[in-house]
Amino acid sequence: SVVSMPSNAAEMMVEGEFNRFYIRGLCSRAIESGFVLLEVYRAKAVMDPRPESLARIGARLRADALLRDLRESIGVDTALGVPSGPGSGLSVRLPR
């Protein structure tokens, strides 16, 4: 059967995977530097943000738990919800 895909499907996949690897690297850096928490923020502007994504902005997550979650959750869905799916625009940063 033929599956309908958005014209930017490859770009969305690449951005999502890059973000997952970026978050894993930032978690490792945070742990090595003594940071316990990372802050969820909007890293990419989106036209129509999902309510569940908006609710996560500003949340603080333990770097060790997030790193473990990303390592154990292969694919899109993670237990902690970050990143929160293709095109969400959410990532994490060191707290300000």
PDB file of N, CA and C in Angstrom:
ATOM      1  N   SER A   1       0.831  -1.184   0.000  1.00  0.00           N
ATOM      2  CA  SER A   1       0.000   0.000   0.000  1.00  0.00           C
ATOM      3  C   SER A   1       0.876   1.248   0.000  1.00  0.00           C
ATOM      4  N   VAL A   2       0.318   2.339  -0.448  1.00  0.00           N
ATOM      5  CA  VAL A   2       1.018   3.606  -0.533  1.00  0.00           C
ATOM      6  C   VAL A   2       0.706   4.413   0.724  1.00  0.00           C
ATOM      7  N   VAL A   3       1.739   4.960   1.313  1.00  0.00           N
ATOM      8  CA  VAL A   3       1.586   5.759   2.523  1.00  0.00           C
ATOM      9  C   VAL A   3       1.820   7.225   2.187  1.00  0.00           C
ATOM     10  N   SER A   4       0.957   8.069   2.659  1.00  0.00           N
ATOM     11  CA  SER A   4       1.103   9.504   2.434  1.00  0.00           C
ATOM     12  C   SER A   4       2.039  10.089   3.489  1.00  0.00           C
ATOM     13  N   MET A   5       3.066  10.785   3.038  1.00  0.00           N
ATOM     14  CA  MET A   5       4.049  11.388   3.946  1.00  0.00           C
ATOM     15  C   MET A   5       4.124  12.884   3.676  1.00  0.00           C
ATOM     16  N   PRO A   6       4.337  13.677   4.732  1.00  0.00           N
ATOM     17  CA  PRO A   6       4.529  15.110   4.495  1.00  0.00           C
ATOM     18  C   PRO A   6       5.787  15.331   3.660  1.00  0.00           C
ATOM     19  N   SER A   7       5.812  16.409   2.919  1.00  0.00           N
ATOM     20  CA  SER A   7       6.963  16.681   2.050  1.00  0.00           C
ATOM     21  C   SER A   7       8.233  16.934   2.853  1.00  0.00           C
ATOM     22  N   ASN A   8       8.111  17.327   4.109  1.00  0.00           N
ATOM     23  CA  ASN A   8       9.280  17.602   4.953  1.00  0.00           C
ATOM     24  C   ASN A   8       9.541  16.491   5.970  1.00  0.00           C
ATOM     25  N   ALA A   9       9.072  15.281   5.697  1.00  0.00           N
ATOM     26  CA  ALA A   9       9.213  14.166   6.632  1.00  0.00           C
ATOM     27  C   ALA A   9      10.681  13.879   6.967  1.00  0.00           C
ATOM     28  N   ALA A  10      11.544  13.892   5.971  1.00  0.00           N
ATOM     29  CA  ALA A  10      12.961  13.613   6.213  1.00  0.00           C
ATOM     30  C   ALA A  10      13.584  14.691   7.096  1.00  0.00           C
ATOM     31  N   GLU A  11      13.248  15.949   6.829  1.00  0.00           N
ATOM     32  CA  GLU A  11      13.768  17.061   7.638  1.00  0.00           C
ATOM     33  C   GLU A  11      13.299  16.945   9.090  1.00  0.00           C
ATOM     34  N   MET A  12      12.045  16.594   9.292  1.00  0.00           N
ATOM     35  CA  MET A  12      11.515  16.440  10.644  1.00  0.00           C
ATOM     36  C   MET A  12      12.216  15.305  11.382  1.00  0.00           C
ATOM     37  N   MET A  13      12.471  14.201  10.678  1.00  0.00           N
ATOM     38  CA  MET A  13      13.147  13.075  11.300  1.00  0.00           C
ATOM     39  C   MET A  13      14.570  13.460  11.712  1.00  0.00           C
ATOM     40  N   VAL A  14      15.282  14.136  10.813  1.00  0.00           N
ATOM     41  CA  VAL A  14      16.656  14.541  11.098  1.00  0.00           C
ATOM     42  C   VAL A  14      16.706  15.516  12.277  1.00  0.00           C
ATOM     43  N   GLU A  15      15.818  16.503  12.290  1.00  0.00           N
ATOM     44  CA  GLU A  15      15.785  17.455  13.404  1.00  0.00           C
ATOM     45  C   GLU A  15      15.504  16.750  14.722  1.00  0.00           C
ATOM     46  N   GLY A  16      14.566  15.815  14.700  1.00  0.00           N
ATOM     47  CA  GLY A  16      14.224  15.081  15.920  1.00  0.00           C
ATOM     48  C   GLY A  16      15.385  14.251  16.433  1.00  0.00           C
ATOM     49  N   GLU A  17      16.059  13.551  15.539  1.00  0.00           N
ATOM     50  CA  GLU A  17      17.202  12.725  15.952  1.00  0.00           C
ATOM     51  C   GLU A  17      18.367  13.593  16.432  1.00  0.00           C
ATOM     52  N   PHE A  18      18.611  14.711  15.735  1.00  0.00           N
ATOM     53  CA  PHE A  18      19.658  15.624  16.180  1.00  0.00           C
ATOM     54  C   PHE A  18      19.357  16.106  17.594  1.00  0.00           C
ATOM     55  N   ASN A  19      18.115  16.486  17.848  1.00  0.00           N
ATOM     56  CA  ASN A  19      17.728  16.985  19.167  1.00  0.00           C
ATOM     57  C   ASN A  19      17.928  15.916  20.231  1.00  0.00           C
ATOM     58  N   ARG A  20      17.576  14.678  19.939  1.00  0.00           N
ATOM     59  CA  ARG A  20      17.782  13.586  20.907  1.00  0.00           C
ATOM     60  C   ARG A  20      19.265  13.434  21.237  1.00  0.00           C
ATOM     61  N   PHE A  21      20.125  13.451  20.221  1.00  0.00           N
ATOM     62  CA  PHE A  21      21.563  13.322  20.474  1.00  0.00           C
ATOM     63  C   PHE A  21      22.104  14.550  21.196  1.00  0.00           C
ATOM     64  N   TYR A  22      21.618  15.737  20.840  1.00  0.00           N
ATOM     65  CA  TYR A  22      22.021  16.966  21.521  1.00  0.00           C
ATOM     66  C   TYR A  22      21.655  16.883  23.008  1.00  0.00           C
ATOM     67  N   ILE A  23      20.434  16.457  23.295  1.00  0.00           N
ATOM     68  CA  ILE A  23      19.997  16.364  24.688  1.00  0.00           C
ATOM     69  C   ILE A  23      20.841  15.343  25.441  1.00  0.00           C
ATOM     70  N   ARG A  24      21.143  14.217  24.813  1.00  0.00           N
ATOM     71  CA  ARG A  24      21.988  13.210  25.474  1.00  0.00           C
ATOM     72  C   ARG A  24      23.362  13.791  25.786  1.00  0.00           C
ATOM     73  N   GLY A  25      23.938  14.542  24.840  1.00  0.00           N
ATOM     74  CA  GLY A  25      25.241  15.167  25.079  1.00  0.00           C
ATOM     75  C   GLY A  25      25.178  16.207  26.178  1.00  0.00           C
ATOM     76  N   LEU A  26      24.117  17.008  26.190  1.00  0.00           N
ATOM     77  CA  LEU A  26      23.969  18.026  27.218  1.00  0.00           C
ATOM     78  C   LEU A  26      23.773  17.382  28.589  1.00  0.00           C
ATOM     79  N   CYS A  27      23.028  16.296  28.646  1.00  0.00           N
ATOM     80  CA  CYS A  27      22.858  15.574  29.913  1.00  0.00           C
ATOM     81  C   CYS A  27      24.211  15.087  30.433  1.00  0.00           C
ATOM     82  N   SER A  28      25.011  14.506  29.555  1.00  0.00           N
ATOM     83  CA  SER A  28      26.337  14.017  29.961  1.00  0.00           C
ATOM     84  C   SER A  28      27.205  15.160  30.466  1.00  0.00           C
ATOM     85  N   ARG A  29      27.185  16.275  29.756  1.00  0.00           N
ATOM     86  CA  ARG A  29      27.967  17.447  30.182  1.00  0.00           C
ATOM     87  C   ARG A  29      27.483  17.964  31.527  1.00  0.00           C
ATOM     88  N   ALA A  30      26.180  18.037  31.697  1.00  0.00           N
ATOM     89  CA  ALA A  30      25.612  18.530  32.949  1.00  0.00           C
ATOM     90  C   ALA A  30      26.024  17.641  34.110  1.00  0.00           C
ATOM     91  N   ILE A  31      25.931  16.341  33.930  1.00  0.00           N
ATOM     92  CA  ILE A  31      26.304  15.402  34.991  1.00  0.00           C
ATOM     93  C   ILE A  31      27.776  15.556  35.345  1.00  0.00           C
ATOM     94  N   GLU A  32      28.640  15.624  34.333  1.00  0.00           N
ATOM     95  CA  GLU A  32      30.082  15.774  34.562  1.00  0.00           C
ATOM     96  C   GLU A  32      30.423  17.104  35.246  1.00  0.00           C
ATOM     97  N   SER A  33      29.623  18.147  34.985  1.00  0.00           N
ATOM     98  CA  SER A  33      29.891  19.478  35.534  1.00  0.00           C
ATOM     99  C   SER A  33      29.186  19.736  36.859  1.00  0.00           C
ATOM    100  N   GLY A  34      28.439  18.756  37.341  1.00  0.00           N
ATOM    101  CA  GLY A  34      27.776  18.909  38.628  1.00  0.00           C
ATOM    102  C   GLY A  34      26.386  19.524  38.579  1.00  0.00           C
ATOM    103  N   PHE A  35      25.832  19.718  37.396  1.00  0.00           N
ATOM    104  CA  PHE A  35      24.458  20.205  37.294  1.00  0.00           C
ATOM    105  C   PHE A  35      23.514  19.022  37.494  1.00  0.00           C
ATOM    106  N   VAL A  36      22.496  19.226  38.277  1.00  0.00           N
ATOM    107  CA  VAL A  36      21.529  18.162  38.524  1.00  0.00           C
ATOM    108  C   VAL A  36      20.336  18.285  37.585  1.00  0.00           C
ATOM    109  N   LEU A  37      19.886  19.525  37.352  1.00  0.00           N
ATOM    110  CA  LEU A  37      18.657  19.755  36.594  1.00  0.00           C
ATOM    111  C   LEU A  37      18.919  20.452  35.268  1.00  0.00           C
ATOM    112  N   LEU A  38      18.080  20.134  34.286  1.00  0.00           N
ATOM    113  CA  LEU A  38      18.048  20.825  33.006  1.00  0.00           C
ATOM    114  C   LEU A  38      16.647  21.392  32.831  1.00  0.00           C
ATOM    115  N   GLU A  39      16.551  22.506  32.118  1.00  0.00           N
ATOM    116  CA  GLU A  39      15.283  23.193  31.927  1.00  0.00           C
ATOM    117  C   GLU A  39      14.738  22.958  30.515  1.00  0.00           C
ATOM    118  N   VAL A  40      13.468  22.630  30.426  1.00  0.00           N
ATOM    119  CA  VAL A  40      12.796  22.454  29.137  1.00  0.00           C
ATOM    120  C   VAL A  40      12.475  23.838  28.573  1.00  0.00           C
ATOM    121  N   TYR A  41      12.782  24.038  27.298  1.00  0.00           N
ATOM    122  CA  TYR A  41      12.480  25.318  26.654  1.00  0.00           C
ATOM    123  C   TYR A  41      12.127  25.089  25.190  1.00  0.00           C
ATOM    124  N   ARG A  42      11.551  26.111  24.573  1.00  0.00           N
ATOM    125  CA  ARG A  42      11.220  26.034  23.148  1.00  0.00           C
ATOM    126  C   ARG A  42      12.472  26.419  22.365  1.00  0.00           C
ATOM    127  N   ALA A  43      13.038  25.458  21.671  1.00  0.00           N
ATOM    128  CA  ALA A  43      14.260  25.675  20.903  1.00  0.00           C
ATOM    129  C   ALA A  43      13.966  26.066  19.460  1.00  0.00           C
ATOM    130  N   LYS A  44      12.753  25.806  19.018  1.00  0.00           N
ATOM    131  CA  LYS A  44      12.378  26.096  17.633  1.00  0.00           C
ATOM    132  C   LYS A  44      10.949  26.636  17.628  1.00  0.00           C
ATOM    133  N   ALA A  45      10.768  27.731  16.930  1.00  0.00           N
ATOM    134  CA  ALA A  45       9.423  28.299  16.814  1.00  0.00           C
ATOM    135  C   ALA A  45       8.527  27.348  16.022  1.00  0.00           C
ATOM    136  N   VAL A  46       7.302  27.203  16.474  1.00  0.00           N
ATOM    137  CA  VAL A  46       6.336  26.371  15.765  1.00  0.00           C
ATOM    138  C   VAL A  46       5.066  27.185  15.538  1.00  0.00           C
ATOM    139  N   MET A  47       4.374  26.881  14.461  1.00  0.00           N
ATOM    140  CA  MET A  47       3.164  27.630  14.091  1.00  0.00           C
ATOM    141  C   MET A  47       2.015  27.385  15.070  1.00  0.00           C
ATOM    142  N   ASP A  48       1.807  26.134  15.446  1.00  0.00           N
ATOM    143  CA  ASP A  48       0.671  25.771  16.289  1.00  0.00           C
ATOM    144  C   ASP A  48       1.160  24.845  17.406  1.00  0.00           C
ATOM    145  N   PRO A  49       1.692  25.424  18.505  1.00  0.00           N
ATOM    146  CA  PRO A  49       2.237  24.574  19.565  1.00  0.00           C
ATOM    147  C   PRO A  49       1.164  23.716  20.232  1.00  0.00           C
ATOM    148  N   ARG A  50       1.523  22.493  20.524  1.00  0.00           N
ATOM    149  CA  ARG A  50       0.612  21.575  21.211  1.00  0.00           C
ATOM    150  C   ARG A  50       0.472  21.991  22.674  1.00  0.00           C
ATOM    151  N   PRO A  51      -0.716  21.885  23.250  1.00  0.00           N
ATOM    152  CA  PRO A  51      -0.903  22.250  24.669  1.00  0.00           C
ATOM    153  C   PRO A  51       0.030  21.481  25.600  1.00  0.00           C
ATOM    154  N   GLU A  52       0.272  20.195  25.307  1.00  0.00           N
ATOM    155  CA  GLU A  52       1.163  19.410  26.168  1.00  0.00           C
ATOM    156  C   GLU A  52       2.606  19.896  26.074  1.00  0.00           C
ATOM    157  N   SER A  53       3.002  20.417  24.918  1.00  0.00           N
ATOM    158  CA  SER A  53       4.345  20.999  24.778  1.00  0.00           C
ATOM    159  C   SER A  53       4.436  22.300  25.567  1.00  0.00           C
ATOM    160  N   LEU A  54       3.421  23.141  25.451  1.00  0.00           N
ATOM    161  CA  LEU A  54       3.404  24.404  26.196  1.00  0.00           C
ATOM    162  C   LEU A  54       3.485  24.157  27.697  1.00  0.00           C
ATOM    163  N   ALA A  55       2.835  23.104  28.158  1.00  0.00           N
ATOM    164  CA  ALA A  55       2.827  22.797  29.588  1.00  0.00           C
ATOM    165  C   ALA A  55       4.204  22.362  30.090  1.00  0.00           C
ATOM    166  N   ARG A  56       5.046  21.836  29.211  1.00  0.00           N
ATOM    167  CA  ARG A  56       6.377  21.362  29.633  1.00  0.00           C
ATOM    168  C   ARG A  56       7.419  22.478  29.714  1.00  0.00           C
ATOM    169  N   ILE A  57       7.176  23.599  29.034  1.00  0.00           N
ATOM    170  CA  ILE A  57       8.157  24.691  29.017  1.00  0.00           C
ATOM    171  C   ILE A  57       8.389  25.196  30.437  1.00  0.00           C
ATOM    172  N   GLY A  58       9.651  25.288  30.803  1.00  0.00           N
ATOM    173  CA  GLY A  58      10.026  25.744  32.137  1.00  0.00           C
ATOM    174  C   GLY A  58      10.200  24.619  33.147  1.00  0.00           C
ATOM    175  N   ALA A  59       9.748  23.418  32.790  1.00  0.00           N
ATOM    176  CA  ALA A  59       9.908  22.279  33.704  1.00  0.00           C
ATOM    177  C   ALA A  59      11.388  21.966  33.872  1.00  0.00           C
ATOM    178  N   ARG A  60      11.737  21.487  35.025  1.00  0.00           N
ATOM    179  CA  ARG A  60      13.125  21.084  35.299  1.00  0.00           C
ATOM    180  C   ARG A  60      13.170  19.574  35.449  1.00  0.00           C
ATOM    181  N   LEU A  61      14.096  18.962  34.745  1.00  0.00           N
ATOM    182  CA  LEU A  61      14.242  17.507  34.751  1.00  0.00           C
ATOM    183  C   LEU A  61      15.639  17.137  35.216  1.00  0.00           C
ATOM    184  N   ARG A  62      15.727  16.045  35.928  1.00  0.00           N
ATOM    185  CA  ARG A  62      17.038  15.549  36.359  1.00  0.00           C
ATOM    186  C   ARG A  62      17.820  15.074  35.134  1.00  0.00           C
ATOM    187  N   ALA A  63      19.036  15.540  35.008  1.00  0.00           N
ATOM    188  CA  ALA A  63      19.871  15.182  33.856  1.00  0.00           C
ATOM    189  C   ALA A  63      20.109  13.679  33.785  1.00  0.00           C
ATOM    190  N   ASP A  64      20.355  13.036  34.916  1.00  0.00           N
ATOM    191  CA  ASP A  64      20.614  11.599  34.908  1.00  0.00           C
ATOM    192  C   ASP A  64      19.379  10.809  34.496  1.00  0.00           C
ATOM    193  N   ALA A  65      18.196  11.246  34.954  1.00  0.00           N
ATOM    194  CA  ALA A  65      16.959  10.547  34.591  1.00  0.00           C
ATOM    195  C   ALA A  65      16.633  10.749  33.111  1.00  0.00           C
ATOM    196  N   LEU A  66      16.857  11.949  32.607  1.00  0.00           N
ATOM    197  CA  LEU A  66      16.590  12.231  31.197  1.00  0.00           C
ATOM    198  C   LEU A  66      17.541  11.438  30.304  1.00  0.00           C
ATOM    199  N   LEU A  67      18.801  11.385  30.661  1.00  0.00           N
ATOM    200  CA  LEU A  67      19.774  10.612  29.883  1.00  0.00           C
ATOM    201  C   LEU A  67      19.389   9.134  29.862  1.00  0.00           C
ATOM    202  N   ARG A  68      19.028   8.596  31.012  1.00  0.00           N
ATOM    203  CA  ARG A  68      18.619   7.189  31.088  1.00  0.00           C
ATOM    204  C   ARG A  68      17.360   6.952  30.234  1.00  0.00           C
ATOM    205  N   ASP A  69      16.405   7.885  30.309  1.00  0.00           N
ATOM    206  CA  ASP A  69      15.165   7.774  29.545  1.00  0.00           C
ATOM    207  C   ASP A  69      15.452   7.742  28.042  1.00  0.00           C
ATOM    208  N   LEU A  70      16.320   8.627  27.573  1.00  0.00           N
ATOM    209  CA  LEU A  70      16.647   8.662  26.148  1.00  0.00           C
ATOM    210  C   LEU A  70      17.384   7.401  25.700  1.00  0.00           C
ATOM    211  N   ARG A  71      18.224   6.879  26.557  1.00  0.00           N
ATOM    212  CA  ARG A  71      18.953   5.652  26.207  1.00  0.00           C
ATOM    213  C   ARG A  71      18.029   4.444  26.151  1.00  0.00           C
ATOM    214  N   GLU A  72      17.031   4.426  27.021  1.00  0.00           N
ATOM    215  CA  GLU A  72      16.125   3.276  27.097  1.00  0.00           C
ATOM    216  C   GLU A  72      14.945   3.385  26.138  1.00  0.00           C
ATOM    217  N   SER A  73      14.578   4.591  25.750  1.00  0.00           N
ATOM    218  CA  SER A  73      13.404   4.810  24.892  1.00  0.00           C
ATOM    219  C   SER A  73      13.853   5.080  23.463  1.00  0.00           C
ATOM    220  N   ILE A  74      14.049   4.032  22.725  1.00  0.00           N
ATOM    221  CA  ILE A  74      14.470   4.172  21.341  1.00  0.00           C
ATOM    222  C   ILE A  74      13.228   4.506  20.518  1.00  0.00           C
ATOM    223  N   GLY A  75      13.310   5.559  19.722  1.00  0.00           N
ATOM    224  CA  GLY A  75      12.167   6.001  18.934  1.00  0.00           C
ATOM    225  C   GLY A  75      11.703   7.364  19.399  1.00  0.00           C
ATOM    226  N   VAL A  76      10.459   7.673  19.190  1.00  0.00           N
ATOM    227  CA  VAL A  76       9.942   9.009  19.472  1.00  0.00           C
ATOM    228  C   VAL A  76       9.519   9.180  20.918  1.00  0.00           C
ATOM    229  N   ASP A  77       8.750   8.260  21.457  1.00  0.00           N
ATOM    230  CA  ASP A  77       8.159   8.438  22.777  1.00  0.00           C
ATOM    231  C   ASP A  77       9.138   8.136  23.903  1.00  0.00           C
ATOM    232  N   THR A  78       9.213   9.071  24.845  1.00  0.00           N
ATOM    233  CA  THR A  78      10.027   8.879  26.031  1.00  0.00           C
ATOM    234  C   THR A  78       9.124   8.985  27.248  1.00  0.00           C
ATOM    235  N   ALA A  79       9.523   8.381  28.345  1.00  0.00           N
ATOM    236  CA  ALA A  79       8.707   8.415  29.556  1.00  0.00           C
ATOM    237  C   ALA A  79       8.591   9.835  30.103  1.00  0.00           C
ATOM    238  N   LEU A  80       9.662  10.625  30.011  1.00  0.00           N
ATOM    239  CA  LEU A  80       9.652  11.987  30.540  1.00  0.00           C
ATOM    240  C   LEU A  80       9.073  13.002  29.557  1.00  0.00           C
ATOM    241  N   GLY A  81       8.822  12.586  28.325  1.00  0.00           N
ATOM    242  CA  GLY A  81       8.171  13.457  27.351  1.00  0.00           C
ATOM    243  C   GLY A  81       9.049  14.507  26.715  1.00  0.00           C
ATOM    244  N   VAL A  82      10.363  14.326  26.789  1.00  0.00           N
ATOM    245  CA  VAL A  82      11.280  15.270  26.152  1.00  0.00           C
ATOM    246  C   VAL A  82      12.322  14.466  25.392  1.00  0.00           C
ATOM    247  N   PRO A  83      12.505  14.729  24.121  1.00  0.00           N
ATOM    248  CA  PRO A  83      11.685  15.616  23.312  1.00  0.00           C
ATOM    249  C   PRO A  83      10.293  15.026  23.146  1.00  0.00           C
ATOM    250  N   SER A  84       9.339  15.867  22.815  1.00  0.00           N
ATOM    251  CA  SER A  84       7.945  15.413  22.819  1.00  0.00           C
ATOM    252  C   SER A  84       7.395  15.175  21.419  1.00  0.00           C
ATOM    253  N   GLY A  85       8.143  14.484  20.614  1.00  0.00           N
ATOM    254  CA  GLY A  85       7.648  14.087  19.303  1.00  0.00           C
ATOM    255  C   GLY A  85       8.118  14.999  18.183  1.00  0.00           C
ATOM    256  N   PRO A  86       7.891  14.559  16.949  1.00  0.00           N
ATOM    257  CA  PRO A  86       8.352  15.314  15.789  1.00  0.00           C
ATOM    258  C   PRO A  86       7.741  16.710  15.729  1.00  0.00           C
ATOM    259  N   GLY A  87       8.584  17.691  15.507  1.00  0.00           N
ATOM    260  CA  GLY A  87       8.114  19.053  15.312  1.00  0.00           C
ATOM    261  C   GLY A  87       7.667  19.781  16.559  1.00  0.00           C
ATOM    262  N   SER A  88       7.925  19.243  17.749  1.00  0.00           N
ATOM    263  CA  SER A  88       7.465  19.908  18.974  1.00  0.00           C
ATOM    264  C   SER A  88       8.235  21.197  19.241  1.00  0.00           C
ATOM    265  N   GLY A  89       9.506  21.225  18.828  1.00  0.00           N
ATOM    266  CA  GLY A  89      10.329  22.412  19.054  1.00  0.00           C
ATOM    267  C   GLY A  89      10.911  22.488  20.450  1.00  0.00           C
ATOM    268  N   LEU A  90      10.676  21.470  21.291  1.00  0.00           N
ATOM    269  CA  LEU A  90      11.196  21.495  22.652  1.00  0.00           C
ATOM    270  C   LEU A  90      12.561  20.843  22.749  1.00  0.00           C
ATOM    271  N   SER A  91      13.368  21.380  23.639  1.00  0.00           N
ATOM    272  CA  SER A  91      14.669  20.809  23.957  1.00  0.00           C
ATOM    273  C   SER A  91      14.950  21.149  25.414  1.00  0.00           C
ATOM    274  N   VAL A  92      16.179  20.959  25.851  1.00  0.00           N
ATOM    275  CA  VAL A  92      16.568  21.321  27.209  1.00  0.00           C
ATOM    276  C   VAL A  92      17.835  22.180  27.171  1.00  0.00           C
ATOM    277  N   ARG A  93      18.045  22.897  28.258  1.00  0.00           N
ATOM    278  CA  ARG A  93      19.245  23.730  28.397  1.00  0.00           C
ATOM    279  C   ARG A  93      19.654  23.730  29.857  1.00  0.00           C
ATOM    280  N   LEU A  94      20.891  24.164  30.078  1.00  0.00           N
ATOM    281  CA  LEU A  94      21.328  24.345  31.457  1.00  0.00           C
ATOM    282  C   LEU A  94      20.490  25.454  32.069  1.00  0.00           C
ATOM    283  N   PRO A  95      20.111  25.316  33.337  1.00  0.00           N
ATOM    284  CA  PRO A  95      19.279  26.350  33.952  1.00  0.00           C
ATOM    285  C   PRO A  95      20.012  27.678  34.041  1.00  0.00           C
ATOM    286  N   ARG A  96      19.241  28.735  33.941  1.00  0.00           N
ATOM    287  CA  ARG A  96      19.825  30.088  33.986  1.00  0.00           C
ATOM    288  C   ARG A  96      19.914  30.581  35.398  1.00  0.00           C
TER     289      ARG A  96
END
